[in-house]
PDB file of N, CA and C in Angstrom:
ATOM      1  N   UNK A   1       0.838  -1.186   0.000  1.00  0.00           N
ATOM      2  CA  UNK A   1       0.000   0.000   0.000  1.00  0.00           C
ATOM      3  C   UNK A   1       0.881   1.246   0.000  1.00  0.00           C
ATOM      4  N   UNK A   2       0.538   2.227  -0.794  1.00  0.00           N
ATOM      5  CA  UNK A   2       1.300   3.466  -0.898  1.00  0.00           C
ATOM      6  C   UNK A   2       0.776   4.481   0.110  1.00  0.00           C
ATOM      7  N   UNK A   3       1.682   5.073   0.871  1.00  0.00           N
ATOM      8  CA  UNK A   3       1.286   6.119   1.818  1.00  0.00           C
ATOM      9  C   UNK A   3       1.025   7.407   1.049  1.00  0.00           C
ATOM     10  N   UNK A   4      -0.024   8.115   1.441  1.00  0.00           N
ATOM     11  CA  UNK A   4      -0.362   9.389   0.816  1.00  0.00           C
ATOM     12  C   UNK A   4      -0.607  10.425   1.913  1.00  0.00           C
ATOM     13  N   UNK A   5      -0.344  11.676   1.610  1.00  0.00           N
ATOM     14  CA  UNK A   5      -0.710  12.751   2.517  1.00  0.00           C
ATOM     15  C   UNK A   5      -0.932  14.013   1.697  1.00  0.00           C
ATOM     16  N   UNK A   6      -2.155  14.455   1.595  1.00  0.00           N
ATOM     17  CA  UNK A   6      -2.536  15.736   0.989  1.00  0.00           C
ATOM     18  C   UNK A   6      -1.653  16.149  -0.187  1.00  0.00           C
ATOM     19  N   UNK A   7      -1.683  15.411  -1.270  1.00  0.00           N
ATOM     20  CA  UNK A   7      -0.953  15.800  -2.464  1.00  0.00           C
ATOM     21  C   UNK A   7       0.432  15.197  -2.598  1.00  0.00           C
ATOM     22  N   UNK A   8       0.806  14.308  -1.684  1.00  0.00           N
ATOM     23  CA  UNK A   8       2.125  13.670  -1.742  1.00  0.00           C
ATOM     24  C   UNK A   8       1.984  12.157  -1.706  1.00  0.00           C
ATOM     25  N   UNK A   9       2.910  11.477  -2.382  1.00  0.00           N
ATOM     26  CA  UNK A   9       2.958  10.019  -2.384  1.00  0.00           C
ATOM     27  C   UNK A   9       4.327   9.593  -1.851  1.00  0.00           C
ATOM     28  N   UNK A  10       4.316   8.612  -0.928  1.00  0.00           N
ATOM     29  CA  UNK A  10       5.582   8.100  -0.381  1.00  0.00           C
ATOM     30  C   UNK A  10       6.115   7.029  -1.314  1.00  0.00           C
ATOM     31  N   UNK A  11       7.398   7.126  -1.657  1.00  0.00           N
ATOM     32  CA  UNK A  11       8.059   6.184  -2.553  1.00  0.00           C
ATOM     33  C   UNK A  11       8.729   5.070  -1.759  1.00  0.00           C
ATOM     34  N   UNK A  12       8.989   3.924  -2.394  1.00  0.00           N
ATOM     35  CA  UNK A  12       9.606   2.790  -1.694  1.00  0.00           C
ATOM     36  C   UNK A  12      10.952   3.117  -1.027  1.00  0.00           C
ATOM     37  N   UNK A  13      11.689   4.104  -1.564  1.00  0.00           N
ATOM     38  CA  UNK A  13      12.992   4.453  -0.978  1.00  0.00           C
ATOM     39  C   UNK A  13      12.889   5.424   0.194  1.00  0.00           C
ATOM     40  N   UNK A  14      11.655   5.784   0.599  1.00  0.00           N
ATOM     41  CA  UNK A  14      11.451   6.693   1.731  1.00  0.00           C
ATOM     42  C   UNK A  14      11.303   8.146   1.330  1.00  0.00           C
ATOM     43  N   UNK A  15      11.504   8.444   0.055  1.00  0.00           N
ATOM     44  CA  UNK A  15      11.303   9.809  -0.411  1.00  0.00           C
ATOM     45  C   UNK A  15       9.807  10.048  -0.638  1.00  0.00           C
ATOM     46  N   UNK A  16       9.433  11.312  -0.816  1.00  0.00           N
ATOM     47  CA  UNK A  16       8.050  11.686  -1.080  1.00  0.00           C
ATOM     48  C   UNK A  16       8.006  12.505  -2.365  1.00  0.00           C
ATOM     49  N   UNK A  17       7.009  12.244  -3.201  1.00  0.00           N
ATOM     50  CA  UNK A  17       6.823  12.984  -4.443  1.00  0.00           C
ATOM     51  C   UNK A  17       5.500  13.724  -4.399  1.00  0.00           C
ATOM     52  N   UNK A  18       5.557  14.989  -4.773  1.00  0.00           N
ATOM     53  CA  UNK A  18       4.344  15.800  -4.859  1.00  0.00           C
ATOM     54  C   UNK A  18       3.560  15.364  -6.091  1.00  0.00           C
ATOM     55  N   UNK A  19       2.278  15.063  -5.913  1.00  0.00           N
ATOM     56  CA  UNK A  19       1.429  14.624  -7.026  1.00  0.00           C
ATOM     57  C   UNK A  19       0.336  15.643  -7.353  1.00  0.00           C
ATOM     58  N   UNK A  20       0.200  16.674  -6.530  1.00  0.00           N
ATOM     59  CA  UNK A  20      -0.752  17.756  -6.771  1.00  0.00           C
ATOM     60  C   UNK A  20      -0.178  19.017  -6.134  1.00  0.00           C
ATOM     61  N   UNK A  21      -0.347  20.156  -6.784  1.00  0.00           N
ATOM     62  CA  UNK A  21       0.202  21.394  -6.236  1.00  0.00           C
ATOM     63  C   UNK A  21      -0.205  21.526  -4.775  1.00  0.00           C
ATOM     64  N   UNK A  22       0.777  21.798  -3.919  1.00  0.00           N
ATOM     65  CA  UNK A  22       0.536  21.809  -2.479  1.00  0.00           C
ATOM     66  C   UNK A  22       1.203  23.004  -1.823  1.00  0.00           C
ATOM     67  N   UNK A  23       0.631  23.420  -0.715  1.00  0.00           N
ATOM     68  CA  UNK A  23       1.223  24.453   0.122  1.00  0.00           C
ATOM     69  C   UNK A  23       1.368  23.873   1.513  1.00  0.00           C
ATOM     70  N   UNK A  24       2.576  23.974   2.063  1.00  0.00           N
ATOM     71  CA  UNK A  24       2.853  23.461   3.401  1.00  0.00           C
ATOM     72  C   UNK A  24       3.179  24.638   4.299  1.00  0.00           C
ATOM     73  N   UNK A  25       2.525  24.706   5.449  1.00  0.00           N
ATOM     74  CA  UNK A  25       2.815  25.744   6.432  1.00  0.00           C
ATOM     75  C   UNK A  25       4.000  25.276   7.271  1.00  0.00           C
ATOM     76  N   UNK A  26       5.126  25.919   7.114  1.00  0.00           N
ATOM     77  CA  UNK A  26       6.322  25.560   7.860  1.00  0.00           C
ATOM     78  C   UNK A  26       6.649  26.607   8.909  1.00  0.00           C
ATOM     79  N   UNK A  27       7.670  26.360   9.716  1.00  0.00           N
ATOM     80  CA  UNK A  27       8.029  27.297  10.775  1.00  0.00           C
ATOM     81  C   UNK A  27       8.550  28.630  10.240  1.00  0.00           C
ATOM     82  N   UNK A  28       9.003  28.660   8.988  1.00  0.00           N
ATOM     83  CA  UNK A  28       9.532  29.888   8.401  1.00  0.00           C
ATOM     84  C   UNK A  28       8.622  30.441   7.311  1.00  0.00           C
ATOM     85  N   UNK A  29       7.390  29.947   7.254  1.00  0.00           N
ATOM     86  CA  UNK A  29       6.433  30.441   6.273  1.00  0.00           C
ATOM     87  C   UNK A  29       5.915  29.345   5.372  1.00  0.00           C
ATOM     88  N   UNK A  30       5.167  29.750   4.371  1.00  0.00           N
ATOM     89  CA  UNK A  30       4.550  28.804   3.443  1.00  0.00           C
ATOM     90  C   UNK A  30       5.555  28.321   2.407  1.00  0.00           C
ATOM     91  N   UNK A  31       5.413  27.037   2.063  1.00  0.00           N
ATOM     92  CA  UNK A  31       6.241  26.440   1.031  1.00  0.00           C
ATOM     93  C   UNK A  31       5.309  25.912  -0.046  1.00  0.00           C
ATOM     94  N   UNK A  32       5.450  26.415  -1.262  1.00  0.00           N
ATOM     95  CA  UNK A  32       4.649  25.909  -2.384  1.00  0.00           C
ATOM     96  C   UNK A  32       5.457  24.834  -3.080  1.00  0.00           C
ATOM     97  N   UNK A  33       4.814  23.709  -3.319  1.00  0.00           N
ATOM     98  CA  UNK A  33       5.477  22.570  -3.941  1.00  0.00           C
ATOM     99  C   UNK A  33       4.697  22.179  -5.182  1.00  0.00           C
ATOM    100  N   UNK A  34       5.402  22.009  -6.290  1.00  0.00           N
ATOM    101  CA  UNK A  34       4.749  21.674  -7.551  1.00  0.00           C
ATOM    102  C   UNK A  34       4.817  20.169  -7.813  1.00  0.00           C
ATOM    103  N   UNK A  35       3.847  19.650  -8.557  1.00  0.00           N
ATOM    104  CA  UNK A  35       3.837  18.221  -8.878  1.00  0.00           C
ATOM    105  C   UNK A  35       5.146  17.793  -9.549  1.00  0.00           C
ATOM    106  N   UNK A  36       5.610  16.606  -9.152  1.00  0.00           N
ATOM    107  CA  UNK A  36       6.843  16.062  -9.699  1.00  0.00           C
ATOM    108  C   UNK A  36       8.054  16.300  -8.821  1.00  0.00           C
ATOM    109  N   UNK A  37       7.946  17.229  -7.856  1.00  0.00           N
ATOM    110  CA  UNK A  37       9.056  17.498  -6.942  1.00  0.00           C
ATOM    111  C   UNK A  37       9.177  16.346  -5.956  1.00  0.00           C
ATOM    112  N   UNK A  38      10.393  15.833  -5.788  1.00  0.00           N
ATOM    113  CA  UNK A  38      10.632  14.715  -4.872  1.00  0.00           C
ATOM    114  C   UNK A  38      11.585  15.153  -3.767  1.00  0.00           C
ATOM    115  N   UNK A  39      11.252  14.761  -2.542  1.00  0.00           N
ATOM    116  CA  UNK A  39      12.063  15.089  -1.370  1.00  0.00           C
ATOM    117  C   UNK A  39      12.607  13.811  -0.760  1.00  0.00           C
ATOM    118  N   UNK A  40      13.927  13.670  -0.776  1.00  0.00           N
ATOM    119  CA  UNK A  40      14.588  12.526  -0.151  1.00  0.00           C
ATOM    120  C   UNK A  40      14.739  12.799   1.342  1.00  0.00           C
ATOM    121  N   UNK A  41      14.802  11.750   2.161  1.00  0.00           N
ATOM    122  CA  UNK A  41      15.027  11.944   3.593  1.00  0.00           C
ATOM    123  C   UNK A  41      16.312  12.753   3.819  1.00  0.00           C
ATOM    124  N   UNK A  42      16.228  13.741   4.692  1.00  0.00           N
ATOM    125  CA  UNK A  42      17.380  14.581   5.008  1.00  0.00           C
ATOM    126  C   UNK A  42      17.481  15.849   4.177  1.00  0.00           C
ATOM    127  N   UNK A  43      16.799  15.907   3.037  1.00  0.00           N
ATOM    128  CA  UNK A  43      16.801  17.101   2.199  1.00  0.00           C
ATOM    129  C   UNK A  43      15.898  18.144   2.838  1.00  0.00           C
ATOM    130  N   UNK A  44      16.421  19.356   3.036  1.00  0.00           N
ATOM    131  CA  UNK A  44      15.637  20.389   3.724  1.00  0.00           C
ATOM    132  C   UNK A  44      15.221  21.494   2.772  1.00  0.00           C
ATOM    133  N   UNK A  45      14.004  21.975   2.965  1.00  0.00           N
ATOM    134  CA  UNK A  45      13.470  23.123   2.264  1.00  0.00           C
ATOM    135  C   UNK A  45      13.079  24.122   3.340  1.00  0.00           C
ATOM    136  N   UNK A  46      13.676  25.308   3.296  1.00  0.00           N
ATOM    137  CA  UNK A  46      13.429  26.333   4.319  1.00  0.00           C
ATOM    138  C   UNK A  46      13.665  25.775   5.725  1.00  0.00           C
ATOM    139  N   UNK A  47      14.687  24.929   5.868  1.00  0.00           N
ATOM    140  CA  UNK A  47      15.050  24.394   7.171  1.00  0.00           C
ATOM    141  C   UNK A  47      14.234  23.211   7.643  1.00  0.00           C
ATOM    142  N   UNK A  48      13.339  22.694   6.799  1.00  0.00           N
ATOM    143  CA  UNK A  48      12.462  21.595   7.190  1.00  0.00           C
ATOM    144  C   UNK A  48      12.778  20.355   6.354  1.00  0.00           C
ATOM    145  N   UNK A  49      12.997  19.221   7.031  1.00  0.00           N
ATOM    146  CA  UNK A  49      13.157  17.937   6.353  1.00  0.00           C
ATOM    147  C   UNK A  49      11.751  17.479   5.979  1.00  0.00           C
ATOM    148  N   UNK A  50      11.343  17.740   4.738  1.00  0.00           N
ATOM    149  CA  UNK A  50       9.963  17.464   4.342  1.00  0.00           C
ATOM    150  C   UNK A  50       9.627  15.983   4.344  1.00  0.00           C
ATOM    151  N   UNK A  51      10.583  15.121   4.023  1.00  0.00           N
ATOM    152  CA  UNK A  51      10.303  13.684   4.073  1.00  0.00           C
ATOM    153  C   UNK A  51       9.968  13.271   5.502  1.00  0.00           C
ATOM    154  N   UNK A  52      10.747  13.746   6.476  1.00  0.00           N
ATOM    155  CA  UNK A  52      10.482  13.419   7.879  1.00  0.00           C
ATOM    156  C   UNK A  52       9.158  14.029   8.341  1.00  0.00           C
ATOM    157  N   UNK A  53       8.873  15.248   7.906  1.00  0.00           N
ATOM    158  CA  UNK A  53       7.615  15.897   8.270  1.00  0.00           C
ATOM    159  C   UNK A  53       6.429  15.106   7.721  1.00  0.00           C
ATOM    160  N   UNK A  54       6.493  14.705   6.458  1.00  0.00           N
ATOM    161  CA  UNK A  54       5.391  13.942   5.863  1.00  0.00           C
ATOM    162  C   UNK A  54       5.261  12.567   6.505  1.00  0.00           C
ATOM    163  N   UNK A  55       6.389  11.943   6.861  1.00  0.00           N
ATOM    164  CA  UNK A  55       6.318  10.665   7.586  1.00  0.00           C
ATOM    165  C   UNK A  55       5.573  10.863   8.910  1.00  0.00           C
ATOM    166  N   UNK A  56       5.906  11.934   9.630  1.00  0.00           N
ATOM    167  CA  UNK A  56       5.265  12.206  10.914  1.00  0.00           C
ATOM    168  C   UNK A  56       3.777  12.510  10.735  1.00  0.00           C
ATOM    169  N   UNK A  57       3.450  13.259   9.698  1.00  0.00           N
ATOM    170  CA  UNK A  57       2.045  13.621   9.472  1.00  0.00           C
ATOM    171  C   UNK A  57       1.190  12.417   9.119  1.00  0.00           C
ATOM    172  N   UNK A  58       1.762  11.404   8.504  1.00  0.00           N
ATOM    173  CA  UNK A  58       0.975  10.216   8.178  1.00  0.00           C
ATOM    174  C   UNK A  58       0.708   9.378   9.430  1.00  0.00           C
ATOM    175  N   UNK A  59       1.518   9.599  10.487  1.00  0.00           N
ATOM    176  CA  UNK A  59       1.337   8.855  11.748  1.00  0.00           C
ATOM    177  C   UNK A  59       0.468   9.602  12.749  1.00  0.00           C
ATOM    178  N   UNK A  60       0.411  10.931  12.642  1.00  0.00           N
ATOM    179  CA  UNK A  60      -0.343  11.750  13.601  1.00  0.00           C
ATOM    180  C   UNK A  60      -1.170  12.797  12.868  1.00  0.00           C
ATOM    181  N   UNK A  61      -2.036  13.462  13.592  1.00  0.00           N
ATOM    182  CA  UNK A  61      -2.853  14.519  13.010  1.00  0.00           C
ATOM    183  C   UNK A  61      -2.102  15.847  12.954  1.00  0.00           C
ATOM    184  N   UNK A  62      -1.099  16.034  13.820  1.00  0.00           N
ATOM    185  CA  UNK A  62      -0.333  17.275  13.823  1.00  0.00           C
ATOM    186  C   UNK A  62       1.111  16.991  14.182  1.00  0.00           C
ATOM    187  N   UNK A  63       1.952  17.944  13.898  1.00  0.00           N
ATOM    188  CA  UNK A  63       3.375  17.775  14.173  1.00  0.00           C
ATOM    189  C   UNK A  63       3.928  19.103  14.663  1.00  0.00           C
ATOM    190  N   UNK A  64       4.877  19.066  15.579  1.00  0.00           N
ATOM    191  CA  UNK A  64       5.512  20.296  16.060  1.00  0.00           C
ATOM    192  C   UNK A  64       6.899  20.387  15.466  1.00  0.00           C
ATOM    193  N   UNK A  65       7.325  21.623  15.145  1.00  0.00           N
ATOM    194  CA  UNK A  65       8.634  21.851  14.544  1.00  0.00           C
ATOM    195  C   UNK A  65       9.669  22.037  15.611  1.00  0.00           C
TER     196      UNK A  65
END
């Protein structure tokens, strides 16, 4: 089964790919992500490891930075 979270799909290697234009509220502001963008574990955007954040969001309803 493929993990999904609001416009993202989790890949077998642990990375996440955006499948629909998405906006993520991060600690440093909004991050717009376009379809096709892939985030590997450890890769940070505006100081946020998005793969780890999406992993956490699939396990809980909210996450703290």
